[in-house]
């Protein structure tokens, strides 16, 4: 598999892990120094992001589209749009940007920026 194909699969997995509250899956793809800029404006470290992932998921049907993967050697930036249904049943969209680095042959995400609609 090419790096582009691997990152496309990891991106899809990341979305699925979040939708399903799969802490183990998320744990495997986050770098130790991971930080996320959350929709509420807070900056969350790796432990905080895993704790958020462990909370009951209130949205449904989380899917990504308009995914763009840009490669810069052993660094990649993934941009995408999310579509989901809120707990109240309203259709909503968001955007995300994830930064990935390749270490010892394995891609890990070091940063995320997430917006919700």
PDB file of N, CA and C in Angstrom:
ATOM      1  N   UNK A   1       0.845  -1.179   0.000  1.00  0.00           N
ATOM      2  CA  UNK A   1       0.000   0.000   0.000  1.00  0.00           C
ATOM      3  C   UNK A   1       0.897   1.250   0.000  1.00  0.00           C
ATOM      4  N   UNK A   2       0.538   2.244  -0.778  1.00  0.00           N
ATOM      5  CA  UNK A   2       1.292   3.497  -0.790  1.00  0.00           C
ATOM      6  C   UNK A   2       0.992   4.281   0.484  1.00  0.00           C
ATOM      7  N   UNK A   3       1.823   5.272   0.780  1.00  0.00           N
ATOM      8  CA  UNK A   3       1.561   6.126   1.940  1.00  0.00           C
ATOM      9  C   UNK A   3       0.216   6.831   1.800  1.00  0.00           C
ATOM     10  N   UNK A   4      -0.105   7.264   0.608  1.00  0.00           N
ATOM     11  CA  UNK A   4      -1.391   7.940   0.358  1.00  0.00           C
ATOM     12  C   UNK A   4      -2.554   6.996   0.687  1.00  0.00           C
ATOM     13  N   UNK A   5      -2.463   5.755   0.245  1.00  0.00           N
ATOM     14  CA  UNK A   5      -3.514   4.768   0.528  1.00  0.00           C
ATOM     15  C   UNK A   5      -3.589   4.445   2.020  1.00  0.00           C
ATOM     16  N   UNK A   6      -2.434   4.336   2.654  1.00  0.00           N
ATOM     17  CA  UNK A   6      -2.397   4.068   4.100  1.00  0.00           C
ATOM     18  C   UNK A   6      -3.062   5.198   4.860  1.00  0.00           C
ATOM     19  N   UNK A   7      -2.745   6.433   4.505  1.00  0.00           N
ATOM     20  CA  UNK A   7      -3.334   7.589   5.181  1.00  0.00           C
ATOM     21  C   UNK A   7      -4.838   7.680   4.927  1.00  0.00           C
ATOM     22  N   UNK A   8      -5.279   7.348   3.735  1.00  0.00           N
ATOM     23  CA  UNK A   8      -6.719   7.339   3.446  1.00  0.00           C
ATOM     24  C   UNK A   8      -7.423   6.330   4.348  1.00  0.00           C
ATOM     25  N   UNK A   9      -6.822   5.153   4.515  1.00  0.00           N
ATOM     26  CA  UNK A   9      -7.407   4.129   5.389  1.00  0.00           C
ATOM     27  C   UNK A   9      -7.386   4.580   6.846  1.00  0.00           C
ATOM     28  N   UNK A  10      -6.283   5.174   7.298  1.00  0.00           N
ATOM     29  CA  UNK A  10      -6.190   5.667   8.672  1.00  0.00           C
ATOM     30  C   UNK A  10      -7.201   6.784   8.935  1.00  0.00           C
ATOM     31  N   UNK A  11      -7.395   7.648   7.962  1.00  0.00           N
ATOM     32  CA  UNK A  11      -8.380   8.716   8.088  1.00  0.00           C
ATOM     33  C   UNK A  11      -9.775   8.134   8.287  1.00  0.00           C
ATOM     34  N   UNK A  12     -10.106   7.149   7.477  1.00  0.00           N
ATOM     35  CA  UNK A  12     -11.402   6.488   7.590  1.00  0.00           C
ATOM     36  C   UNK A  12     -11.542   5.786   8.944  1.00  0.00           C
ATOM     37  N   UNK A  13     -10.470   5.112   9.362  1.00  0.00           N
ATOM     38  CA  UNK A  13     -10.483   4.447  10.666  1.00  0.00           C
ATOM     39  C   UNK A  13     -10.692   5.457  11.792  1.00  0.00           C
ATOM     40  N   UNK A  14     -10.000   6.589  11.730  1.00  0.00           N
ATOM     41  CA  UNK A  14     -10.101   7.618  12.769  1.00  0.00           C
ATOM     42  C   UNK A  14     -11.554   8.082  12.917  1.00  0.00           C
ATOM     43  N   UNK A  15     -12.206   8.336  11.801  1.00  0.00           N
ATOM     44  CA  UNK A  15     -13.615   8.747  11.831  1.00  0.00           C
ATOM     45  C   UNK A  15     -14.467   7.651  12.470  1.00  0.00           C
ATOM     46  N   UNK A  16     -14.243   6.404  12.076  1.00  0.00           N
ATOM     47  CA  UNK A  16     -15.001   5.284  12.646  1.00  0.00           C
ATOM     48  C   UNK A  16     -14.740   5.133  14.145  1.00  0.00           C
ATOM     49  N   UNK A  17     -13.475   5.267  14.550  1.00  0.00           N
ATOM     50  CA  UNK A  17     -13.140   5.149  15.972  1.00  0.00           C
ATOM     51  C   UNK A  17     -13.884   6.203  16.788  1.00  0.00           C
ATOM     52  N   UNK A  18     -13.904   7.426  16.307  1.00  0.00           N
ATOM     53  CA  UNK A  18     -14.591   8.504  17.026  1.00  0.00           C
ATOM     54  C   UNK A  18     -16.091   8.223  17.078  1.00  0.00           C
ATOM     55  N   UNK A  19     -16.690   7.833  15.955  1.00  0.00           N
ATOM     56  CA  UNK A  19     -18.129   7.561  15.927  1.00  0.00           C
ATOM     57  C   UNK A  19     -18.504   6.444  16.899  1.00  0.00           C
ATOM     58  N   UNK A  20     -17.633   5.459  17.027  1.00  0.00           N
ATOM     59  CA  UNK A  20     -17.942   4.297  17.851  1.00  0.00           C
ATOM     60  C   UNK A  20     -17.345   4.345  19.255  1.00  0.00           C
ATOM     61  N   UNK A  21     -16.709   5.473  19.611  1.00  0.00           N
ATOM     62  CA  UNK A  21     -16.110   5.590  20.937  1.00  0.00           C
ATOM     63  C   UNK A  21     -15.022   4.554  21.177  1.00  0.00           C
ATOM     64  N   UNK A  22     -14.270   4.219  20.129  1.00  0.00           N
ATOM     65  CA  UNK A  22     -13.243   3.182  20.193  1.00  0.00           C
ATOM     66  C   UNK A  22     -11.930   3.776  20.709  1.00  0.00           C
ATOM     67  N   UNK A  23     -11.784   3.787  22.026  1.00  0.00           N
ATOM     68  CA  UNK A  23     -10.599   4.378  22.653  1.00  0.00           C
ATOM     69  C   UNK A  23      -9.337   3.622  22.245  1.00  0.00           C
ATOM     70  N   UNK A  24      -9.396   2.307  22.183  1.00  0.00           N
ATOM     71  CA  UNK A  24      -8.226   1.504  21.811  1.00  0.00           C
ATOM     72  C   UNK A  24      -7.764   1.856  20.397  1.00  0.00           C
ATOM     73  N   UNK A  25      -8.709   1.982  19.469  1.00  0.00           N
ATOM     74  CA  UNK A  25      -8.355   2.342  18.104  1.00  0.00           C
ATOM     75  C   UNK A  25      -7.703   3.715  18.029  1.00  0.00           C
ATOM     76  N   UNK A  26      -8.305   4.690  18.713  1.00  0.00           N
ATOM     77  CA  UNK A  26      -7.736   6.045  18.720  1.00  0.00           C
ATOM     78  C   UNK A  26      -6.352   6.035  19.360  1.00  0.00           C
ATOM     79  N   UNK A  27      -6.215   5.304  20.464  1.00  0.00           N
ATOM     80  CA  UNK A  27      -4.942   5.231  21.182  1.00  0.00           C
ATOM     81  C   UNK A  27      -3.812   4.765  20.272  1.00  0.00           C
ATOM     82  N   UNK A  28      -4.105   3.852  19.363  1.00  0.00           N
ATOM     83  CA  UNK A  28      -3.084   3.289  18.478  1.00  0.00           C
ATOM     84  C   UNK A  28      -2.587   4.257  17.413  1.00  0.00           C
ATOM     85  N   UNK A  29      -3.356   5.304  17.107  1.00  0.00           N
ATOM     86  CA  UNK A  29      -2.949   6.202  16.023  1.00  0.00           C
ATOM     87  C   UNK A  29      -2.521   7.587  16.502  1.00  0.00           C
ATOM     88  N   UNK A  30      -2.624   7.854  17.812  1.00  0.00           N
ATOM     89  CA  UNK A  30      -2.199   9.146  18.341  1.00  0.00           C
ATOM     90  C   UNK A  30      -0.735   9.095  18.768  1.00  0.00           C
ATOM     91  N   UNK A  31       0.039  10.081  18.349  1.00  0.00           N
ATOM     92  CA  UNK A  31       1.409  10.225  18.830  1.00  0.00           C
ATOM     93  C   UNK A  31       1.368  10.654  20.299  1.00  0.00           C
ATOM     94  N   UNK A  32       2.451  10.395  21.015  1.00  0.00           N
ATOM     95  CA  UNK A  32       2.508  10.767  22.434  1.00  0.00           C
ATOM     96  C   UNK A  32       2.276  12.261  22.652  1.00  0.00           C
ATOM     97  N   UNK A  33       2.754  13.082  21.734  1.00  0.00           N
ATOM     98  CA  UNK A  33       2.652  14.543  21.894  1.00  0.00           C
ATOM     99  C   UNK A  33       1.432  15.132  21.181  1.00  0.00           C
ATOM    100  N   UNK A  34       0.430  14.314  20.893  1.00  0.00           N
ATOM    101  CA  UNK A  34      -0.790  14.749  20.205  1.00  0.00           C
ATOM    102  C   UNK A  34      -1.511  15.859  20.977  1.00  0.00           C
ATOM    103  N   UNK A  35      -2.017  16.840  20.231  1.00  0.00           N
ATOM    104  CA  UNK A  35      -2.919  17.877  20.754  1.00  0.00           C
ATOM    105  C   UNK A  35      -4.037  18.092  19.738  1.00  0.00           C
ATOM    106  N   UNK A  36      -5.221  18.424  20.237  1.00  0.00           N
ATOM    107  CA  UNK A  36      -6.353  18.742  19.368  1.00  0.00           C
ATOM    108  C   UNK A  36      -6.936  20.089  19.764  1.00  0.00           C
ATOM    109  N   UNK A  37      -7.225  20.905  18.766  1.00  0.00           N
ATOM    110  CA  UNK A  37      -8.001  22.123  18.961  1.00  0.00           C
ATOM    111  C   UNK A  37      -9.463  21.718  18.804  1.00  0.00           C
ATOM    112  N   UNK A  38     -10.199  21.781  19.901  1.00  0.00           N
ATOM    113  CA  UNK A  38     -11.578  21.304  19.923  1.00  0.00           C
ATOM    114  C   UNK A  38     -12.550  22.380  19.458  1.00  0.00           C
ATOM    115  N   UNK A  39     -13.765  21.959  19.079  1.00  0.00           N
ATOM    116  CA  UNK A  39     -14.759  22.921  18.596  1.00  0.00           C
ATOM    117  C   UNK A  39     -15.086  24.035  19.586  1.00  0.00           C
ATOM    118  N   UNK A  40     -14.919  23.770  20.891  1.00  0.00           N
ATOM    119  CA  UNK A  40     -15.214  24.804  21.897  1.00  0.00           C
ATOM    120  C   UNK A  40     -14.053  25.767  22.100  1.00  0.00           C
ATOM    121  N   UNK A  41     -12.970  25.576  21.344  1.00  0.00           N
ATOM    122  CA  UNK A  41     -11.820  26.471  21.431  1.00  0.00           C
ATOM    123  C   UNK A  41     -10.743  26.006  22.394  1.00  0.00           C
ATOM    124  N   UNK A  42     -10.976  24.903  23.092  1.00  0.00           N
ATOM    125  CA  UNK A  42      -9.975  24.402  24.032  1.00  0.00           C
ATOM    126  C   UNK A  42      -8.899  23.602  23.299  1.00  0.00           C
ATOM    127  N   UNK A  43      -7.741  23.533  23.925  1.00  0.00           N
ATOM    128  CA  UNK A  43      -6.639  22.727  23.416  1.00  0.00           C
ATOM    129  C   UNK A  43      -6.546  21.497  24.312  1.00  0.00           C
ATOM    130  N   UNK A  44      -6.702  20.321  23.716  1.00  0.00           N
ATOM    131  CA  UNK A  44      -6.784  19.074  24.477  1.00  0.00           C
ATOM    132  C   UNK A  44      -5.573  18.203  24.158  1.00  0.00           C
ATOM    133  N   UNK A  45      -4.899  17.708  25.202  1.00  0.00           N
ATOM    134  CA  UNK A  45      -3.764  16.823  24.974  1.00  0.00           C
ATOM    135  C   UNK A  45      -4.233  15.393  24.708  1.00  0.00           C
ATOM    136  N   UNK A  46      -3.300  14.519  24.517  1.00  0.00           N
ATOM    137  CA  UNK A  46      -3.598  13.128  24.175  1.00  0.00           C
ATOM    138  C   UNK A  46      -4.525  12.476  25.204  1.00  0.00           C
ATOM    139  N   UNK A  47      -4.171  12.600  26.476  1.00  0.00           N
ATOM    140  CA  UNK A  47      -4.983  11.991  27.543  1.00  0.00           C
ATOM    141  C   UNK A  47      -6.396  12.558  27.542  1.00  0.00           C
ATOM    142  N   UNK A  48      -6.514  13.864  27.353  1.00  0.00           N
ATOM    143  CA  UNK A  48      -7.830  14.501  27.313  1.00  0.00           C
ATOM    144  C   UNK A  48      -8.655  14.049  26.121  1.00  0.00           C
ATOM    145  N   UNK A  49      -7.991  13.878  24.972  1.00  0.00           N
ATOM    146  CA  UNK A  49      -8.701  13.421  23.773  1.00  0.00           C
ATOM    147  C   UNK A  49      -9.199  11.987  23.957  1.00  0.00           C
ATOM    148  N   UNK A  50      -8.376  11.141  24.549  1.00  0.00           N
ATOM    149  CA  UNK A  50      -8.800   9.767  24.810  1.00  0.00           C
ATOM    150  C   UNK A  50      -9.959   9.743  25.802  1.00  0.00           C
ATOM    151  N   UNK A  51      -9.922  10.616  26.805  1.00  0.00           N
ATOM    152  CA  UNK A  51     -11.022  10.697  27.774  1.00  0.00           C
ATOM    153  C   UNK A  51     -12.310  11.144  27.084  1.00  0.00           C
ATOM    154  N   UNK A  52     -12.212  12.099  26.162  1.00  0.00           N
ATOM    155  CA  UNK A  52     -13.394  12.542  25.403  1.00  0.00           C
ATOM    156  C   UNK A  52     -13.933  11.404  24.530  1.00  0.00           C
ATOM    157  N   UNK A  53     -13.026  10.643  23.932  1.00  0.00           N
ATOM    158  CA  UNK A  53     -13.434   9.520  23.079  1.00  0.00           C
ATOM    159  C   UNK A  53     -14.190   8.466  23.888  1.00  0.00           C
ATOM    160  N   UNK A  54     -13.837   8.323  25.164  1.00  0.00           N
ATOM    161  CA  UNK A  54     -14.466   7.313  26.022  1.00  0.00           C
ATOM    162  C   UNK A  54     -15.888   7.683  26.448  1.00  0.00           C
ATOM    163  N   UNK A  55     -16.253   8.957  26.317  1.00  0.00           N
ATOM    164  CA  UNK A  55     -17.595   9.385  26.710  1.00  0.00           C
ATOM    165  C   UNK A  55     -18.629   8.844  25.720  1.00  0.00           C
ATOM    166  N   UNK A  56     -19.868   8.659  26.190  1.00  0.00           N
ATOM    167  CA  UNK A  56     -20.913   8.173  25.267  1.00  0.00           C
ATOM    168  C   UNK A  56     -21.041   9.086  24.038  1.00  0.00           C
ATOM    169  N   UNK A  57     -21.140   8.463  22.878  1.00  0.00           N
ATOM    170  CA  UNK A  57     -21.243   9.190  21.613  1.00  0.00           C
ATOM    171  C   UNK A  57     -22.703   9.593  21.406  1.00  0.00           C
ATOM    172  N   UNK A  58     -22.941  10.881  21.186  1.00  0.00           N
ATOM    173  CA  UNK A  58     -24.313  11.368  21.029  1.00  0.00           C
ATOM    174  C   UNK A  58     -24.681  11.655  19.584  1.00  0.00           C
ATOM    175  N   UNK A  59     -23.682  11.698  18.698  1.00  0.00           N
ATOM    176  CA  UNK A  59     -23.973  11.930  17.281  1.00  0.00           C
ATOM    177  C   UNK A  59     -24.108  10.590  16.571  1.00  0.00           C
ATOM    178  N   UNK A  60     -24.738  10.626  15.405  1.00  0.00           N
ATOM    179  CA  UNK A  60     -24.932   9.410  14.617  1.00  0.00           C
ATOM    180  C   UNK A  60     -24.489   9.641  13.182  1.00  0.00           C
ATOM    181  N   UNK A  61     -24.084   8.560  12.535  1.00  0.00           N
ATOM    182  CA  UNK A  61     -23.805   8.604  11.100  1.00  0.00           C
ATOM    183  C   UNK A  61     -22.611   9.434  10.705  1.00  0.00           C
ATOM    184  N   UNK A  62     -21.609   9.562  11.571  1.00  0.00           N
ATOM    185  CA  UNK A  62     -20.435  10.371  11.254  1.00  0.00           C
ATOM    186  C   UNK A  62     -19.704   9.803  10.041  1.00  0.00           C
ATOM    187  N   UNK A  63     -19.593  10.615   9.028  1.00  0.00           N
ATOM    188  CA  UNK A  63     -18.908  10.244   7.788  1.00  0.00           C
ATOM    189  C   UNK A  63     -18.055  11.419   7.333  1.00  0.00           C
ATOM    190  N   UNK A  64     -17.006  11.106   6.603  1.00  0.00           N
ATOM    191  CA  UNK A  64     -16.135  12.153   6.058  1.00  0.00           C
ATOM    192  C   UNK A  64     -16.241  12.177   4.541  1.00  0.00           C
ATOM    193  N   UNK A  65     -16.157  13.369   3.990  1.00  0.00           N
ATOM    194  CA  UNK A  65     -16.046  13.521   2.542  1.00  0.00           C
ATOM    195  C   UNK A  65     -15.171  14.740   2.271  1.00  0.00           C
ATOM    196  N   UNK A  66     -15.007  15.062   1.028  1.00  0.00           N
ATOM    197  CA  UNK A  66     -14.129  16.157   0.608  1.00  0.00           C
ATOM    198  C   UNK A  66     -12.747  16.032   1.253  1.00  0.00           C
ATOM    199  N   UNK A  67     -12.253  14.799   1.343  1.00  0.00           N
ATOM    200  CA  UNK A  67     -10.962  14.525   1.983  1.00  0.00           C
ATOM    201  C   UNK A  67      -9.830  14.856   1.014  1.00  0.00           C
ATOM    202  N   UNK A  68      -8.892  15.643   1.500  1.00  0.00           N
ATOM    203  CA  UNK A  68      -7.698  16.013   0.740  1.00  0.00           C
ATOM    204  C   UNK A  68      -6.495  15.592   1.578  1.00  0.00           C
ATOM    205  N   UNK A  69      -5.615  14.785   0.991  1.00  0.00           N
ATOM    206  CA  UNK A  69      -4.402  14.349   1.677  1.00  0.00           C
ATOM    207  C   UNK A  69      -3.219  14.985   0.978  1.00  0.00           C
ATOM    208  N   UNK A  70      -2.455  15.776   1.736  1.00  0.00           N
ATOM    209  CA  UNK A  70      -1.273  16.443   1.176  1.00  0.00           C
ATOM    210  C   UNK A  70      -0.035  15.870   1.858  1.00  0.00           C
ATOM    211  N   UNK A  71       0.909  15.425   1.042  1.00  0.00           N
ATOM    212  CA  UNK A  71       2.119  14.766   1.536  1.00  0.00           C
ATOM    213  C   UNK A  71       3.314  15.717   1.476  1.00  0.00           C
ATOM    214  N   UNK A  72       4.115  15.685   2.535  1.00  0.00           N
ATOM    215  CA  UNK A  72       5.345  16.471   2.621  1.00  0.00           C
ATOM    216  C   UNK A  72       6.426  15.566   3.215  1.00  0.00           C
ATOM    217  N   UNK A  73       6.882  14.605   2.449  1.00  0.00           N
ATOM    218  CA  UNK A  73       7.848  13.632   2.954  1.00  0.00           C
ATOM    219  C   UNK A  73       7.198  12.737   4.001  1.00  0.00           C
ATOM    220  N   UNK A  74       7.756  12.754   5.205  1.00  0.00           N
ATOM    221  CA  UNK A  74       7.221  11.941   6.302  1.00  0.00           C
ATOM    222  C   UNK A  74       6.194  12.703   7.141  1.00  0.00           C
ATOM    223  N   UNK A  75       5.622  13.742   6.563  1.00  0.00           N
ATOM    224  CA  UNK A  75       4.550  14.515   7.194  1.00  0.00           C
ATOM    225  C   UNK A  75       3.392  14.615   6.200  1.00  0.00           C
ATOM    226  N   UNK A  76       2.178  14.530   6.723  1.00  0.00           N
ATOM    227  CA  UNK A  76       1.003  14.665   5.865  1.00  0.00           C
ATOM    228  C   UNK A  76      -0.050  15.493   6.595  1.00  0.00           C
ATOM    229  N   UNK A  77      -0.811  16.237   5.825  1.00  0.00           N
ATOM    230  CA  UNK A  77      -1.934  17.004   6.355  1.00  0.00           C
ATOM    231  C   UNK A  77      -3.182  16.496   5.655  1.00  0.00           C
ATOM    232  N   UNK A  78      -4.182  16.163   6.469  1.00  0.00           N
ATOM    233  CA  UNK A  78      -5.452  15.684   5.922  1.00  0.00           C
ATOM    234  C   UNK A  78      -6.542  16.681   6.282  1.00  0.00           C
ATOM    235  N   UNK A  79      -7.233  17.176   5.264  1.00  0.00           N
ATOM    236  CA  UNK A  79      -8.377  18.063   5.436  1.00  0.00           C
ATOM    237  C   UNK A  79      -9.628  17.273   5.054  1.00  0.00           C
ATOM    238  N   UNK A  80     -10.714  17.505   5.747  1.00  0.00           N
ATOM    239  CA  UNK A  80     -11.945  16.828   5.379  1.00  0.00           C
ATOM    240  C   UNK A  80     -13.158  17.521   5.962  1.00  0.00           C
ATOM    241  N   UNK A  81     -14.304  17.131   5.442  1.00  0.00           N
ATOM    242  CA  UNK A  81     -15.586  17.616   5.968  1.00  0.00           C
ATOM    243  C   UNK A  81     -16.282  16.423   6.607  1.00  0.00           C
ATOM    244  N   UNK A  82     -16.951  16.671   7.721  1.00  0.00           N
ATOM    245  CA  UNK A  82     -17.745  15.622   8.352  1.00  0.00           C
ATOM    246  C   UNK A  82     -19.222  15.933   8.190  1.00  0.00           C
ATOM    247  N   UNK A  83     -20.002  14.883   8.085  1.00  0.00           N
ATOM    248  CA  UNK A  83     -21.457  14.960   8.059  1.00  0.00           C
ATOM    249  C   UNK A  83     -21.952  14.017   9.139  1.00  0.00           C
ATOM    250  N   UNK A  84     -22.953  14.447   9.910  1.00  0.00           N
ATOM    251  CA  UNK A  84     -23.453  13.621  10.998  1.00  0.00           C
ATOM    252  C   UNK A  84     -24.839  14.107  11.401  1.00  0.00           C
ATOM    253  N   UNK A  85     -25.477  13.357  12.267  1.00  0.00           N
ATOM    254  CA  UNK A  85     -26.769  13.730  12.823  1.00  0.00           C
ATOM    255  C   UNK A  85     -26.584  13.999  14.304  1.00  0.00           C
ATOM    256  N   UNK A  86     -27.057  15.147  14.772  1.00  0.00           N
ATOM    257  CA  UNK A  86     -26.920  15.504  16.180  1.00  0.00           C
ATOM    258  C   UNK A  86     -27.842  14.642  17.043  1.00  0.00           C
ATOM    259  N   UNK A  87     -27.663  14.714  18.349  1.00  0.00           N
ATOM    260  CA  UNK A  87     -28.514  13.975  19.285  1.00  0.00           C
ATOM    261  C   UNK A  87     -29.976  14.388  19.151  1.00  0.00           C
ATOM    262  N   UNK A  88     -30.211  15.621  18.694  1.00  0.00           N
ATOM    263  CA  UNK A  88     -31.572  16.127  18.495  1.00  0.00           C
ATOM    264  C   UNK A  88     -32.156  15.735  17.139  1.00  0.00           C
ATOM    265  N   UNK A  89     -31.365  15.036  16.328  1.00  0.00           N
ATOM    266  CA  UNK A  89     -31.849  14.581  15.035  1.00  0.00           C
ATOM    267  C   UNK A  89     -31.622  15.550  13.894  1.00  0.00           C
ATOM    268  N   UNK A  90     -30.826  16.601  14.126  1.00  0.00           N
ATOM    269  CA  UNK A  90     -30.551  17.605  13.102  1.00  0.00           C
ATOM    270  C   UNK A  90     -29.313  17.206  12.294  1.00  0.00           C
ATOM    271  N   UNK A  91     -29.391  17.339  10.975  1.00  0.00           N
ATOM    272  CA  UNK A  91     -28.224  17.103  10.119  1.00  0.00           C
ATOM    273  C   UNK A  91     -27.227  18.236  10.339  1.00  0.00           C
ATOM    274  N   UNK A  92     -25.953  17.883  10.447  1.00  0.00           N
ATOM    275  CA  UNK A  92     -24.918  18.889  10.703  1.00  0.00           C
ATOM    276  C   UNK A  92     -23.643  18.516   9.953  1.00  0.00           C
ATOM    277  N   UNK A  93     -22.764  19.501   9.835  1.00  0.00           N
ATOM    278  CA  UNK A  93     -21.474  19.312   9.180  1.00  0.00           C
ATOM    279  C   UNK A  93     -20.389  19.958  10.018  1.00  0.00           C
ATOM    280  N   UNK A  94     -19.189  19.514   9.797  1.00  0.00           N
ATOM    281  CA  UNK A  94     -18.026  20.107  10.436  1.00  0.00           C
ATOM    282  C   UNK A  94     -16.836  19.983   9.511  1.00  0.00           C
ATOM    283  N   UNK A  95     -15.708  20.431   9.962  1.00  0.00           N
ATOM    284  CA  UNK A  95     -14.458  20.309   9.209  1.00  0.00           C
ATOM    285  C   UNK A  95     -13.367  19.875  10.174  1.00  0.00           C
ATOM    286  N   UNK A  96     -12.353  19.248   9.618  1.00  0.00           N
ATOM    287  CA  UNK A  96     -11.198  18.870  10.427  1.00  0.00           C
ATOM    288  C   UNK A  96      -9.931  18.948   9.599  1.00  0.00           C
ATOM    289  N   UNK A  97      -8.837  19.152  10.293  1.00  0.00           N
ATOM    290  CA  UNK A  97      -7.508  19.092   9.712  1.00  0.00           C
ATOM    291  C   UNK A  97      -6.658  18.281  10.682  1.00  0.00           C
ATOM    292  N   UNK A  98      -6.059  17.214  10.187  1.00  0.00           N
ATOM    293  CA  UNK A  98      -5.184  16.376  10.999  1.00  0.00           C
ATOM    294  C   UNK A  98      -3.781  16.410  10.414  1.00  0.00           C
ATOM    295  N   UNK A  99      -2.786  16.429  11.295  1.00  0.00           N
ATOM    296  CA  UNK A  99      -1.386  16.378  10.881  1.00  0.00           C
ATOM    297  C   UNK A  99      -0.829  15.022  11.307  1.00  0.00           C
ATOM    298  N   UNK A 100      -0.233  14.332  10.350  1.00  0.00           N
ATOM    299  CA  UNK A 100       0.316  13.000  10.570  1.00  0.00           C
ATOM    300  C   UNK A 100       1.818  13.010  10.311  1.00  0.00           C
ATOM    301  N   UNK A 101       2.561  12.196  11.062  1.00  0.00           N
ATOM    302  CA  UNK A 101       3.997  12.009  10.823  1.00  0.00           C
ATOM    303  C   UNK A 101       4.284  10.514  10.748  1.00  0.00           C
ATOM    304  N   UNK A 102       5.266  10.181   9.935  1.00  0.00           N
ATOM    305  CA  UNK A 102       5.665   8.785   9.790  1.00  0.00           C
ATOM    306  C   UNK A 102       6.919   8.562  10.623  1.00  0.00           C
ATOM    307  N   UNK A 103       6.812   7.621  11.570  1.00  0.00           N
ATOM    308  CA  UNK A 103       7.924   7.297  12.460  1.00  0.00           C
ATOM    309  C   UNK A 103       8.143   5.785  12.446  1.00  0.00           C
ATOM    310  N   UNK A 104       9.357   5.389  12.159  1.00  0.00           N
ATOM    311  CA  UNK A 104       9.702   3.961  12.127  1.00  0.00           C
ATOM    312  C   UNK A 104       8.703   3.182  11.276  1.00  0.00           C
ATOM    313  N   UNK A 105       8.303   3.781  10.155  1.00  0.00           N
ATOM    314  CA  UNK A 105       7.414   3.118   9.216  1.00  0.00           C
ATOM    315  C   UNK A 105       5.937   3.172   9.567  1.00  0.00           C
ATOM    316  N   UNK A 106       5.575   3.840  10.647  1.00  0.00           N
ATOM    317  CA  UNK A 106       4.173   3.900  11.082  1.00  0.00           C
ATOM    318  C   UNK A 106       3.694   5.346  11.102  1.00  0.00           C
ATOM    319  N   UNK A 107       2.495   5.581  10.531  1.00  0.00           N
ATOM    320  CA  UNK A 107       1.899   6.913  10.538  1.00  0.00           C
ATOM    321  C   UNK A 107       1.137   7.129  11.841  1.00  0.00           C
ATOM    322  N   UNK A 108       1.393   8.271  12.495  1.00  0.00           N
ATOM    323  CA  UNK A 108       0.702   8.677  13.725  1.00  0.00           C
ATOM    324  C   UNK A 108       0.232  10.108  13.571  1.00  0.00           C
ATOM    325  N   UNK A 109      -0.889  10.429  14.192  1.00  0.00           N
ATOM    326  CA  UNK A 109      -1.370  11.813  14.130  1.00  0.00           C
ATOM    327  C   UNK A 109      -0.838  12.590  15.333  1.00  0.00           C
ATOM    328  N   UNK A 110      -0.305  13.774  15.058  1.00  0.00           N
ATOM    329  CA  UNK A 110       0.277  14.613  16.107  1.00  0.00           C
ATOM    330  C   UNK A 110      -0.605  15.800  16.443  1.00  0.00           C
ATOM    331  N   UNK A 111      -1.551  16.128  15.562  1.00  0.00           N
ATOM    332  CA  UNK A 111      -2.390  17.295  15.801  1.00  0.00           C
ATOM    333  C   UNK A 111      -3.701  17.172  15.040  1.00  0.00           C
ATOM    334  N   UNK A 112      -4.747  17.759  15.623  1.00  0.00           N
ATOM    335  CA  UNK A 112      -6.056  17.808  14.978  1.00  0.00           C
ATOM    336  C   UNK A 112      -6.694  19.150  15.275  1.00  0.00           C
ATOM    337  N   UNK A 113      -7.444  19.644  14.325  1.00  0.00           N
ATOM    338  CA  UNK A 113      -8.246  20.847  14.507  1.00  0.00           C
ATOM    339  C   UNK A 113      -9.658  20.480  14.043  1.00  0.00           C
ATOM    340  N   UNK A 114     -10.631  20.638  14.923  1.00  0.00           N
ATOM    341  CA  UNK A 114     -11.981  20.143  14.650  1.00  0.00           C
ATOM    342  C   UNK A 114     -13.000  21.268  14.802  1.00  0.00           C
ATOM    343  N   UNK A 115     -13.896  21.391  13.821  1.00  0.00           N
ATOM    344  CA  UNK A 115     -15.025  22.321  13.940  1.00  0.00           C
ATOM    345  C   UNK A 115     -16.317  21.518  13.762  1.00  0.00           C
ATOM    346  N   UNK A 116     -17.352  21.954  14.409  1.00  0.00           N
ATOM    347  CA  UNK A 116     -18.663  21.322  14.284  1.00  0.00           C
ATOM    348  C   UNK A 116     -19.676  22.355  13.856  1.00  0.00           C
ATOM    349  N   UNK A 117     -20.713  21.893  13.158  1.00  0.00           N
ATOM    350  CA  UNK A 117     -21.749  22.801  12.705  1.00  0.00           C
ATOM    351  C   UNK A 117     -22.988  22.690  13.520  1.00  0.00           C
TER     352      UNK A 117
END
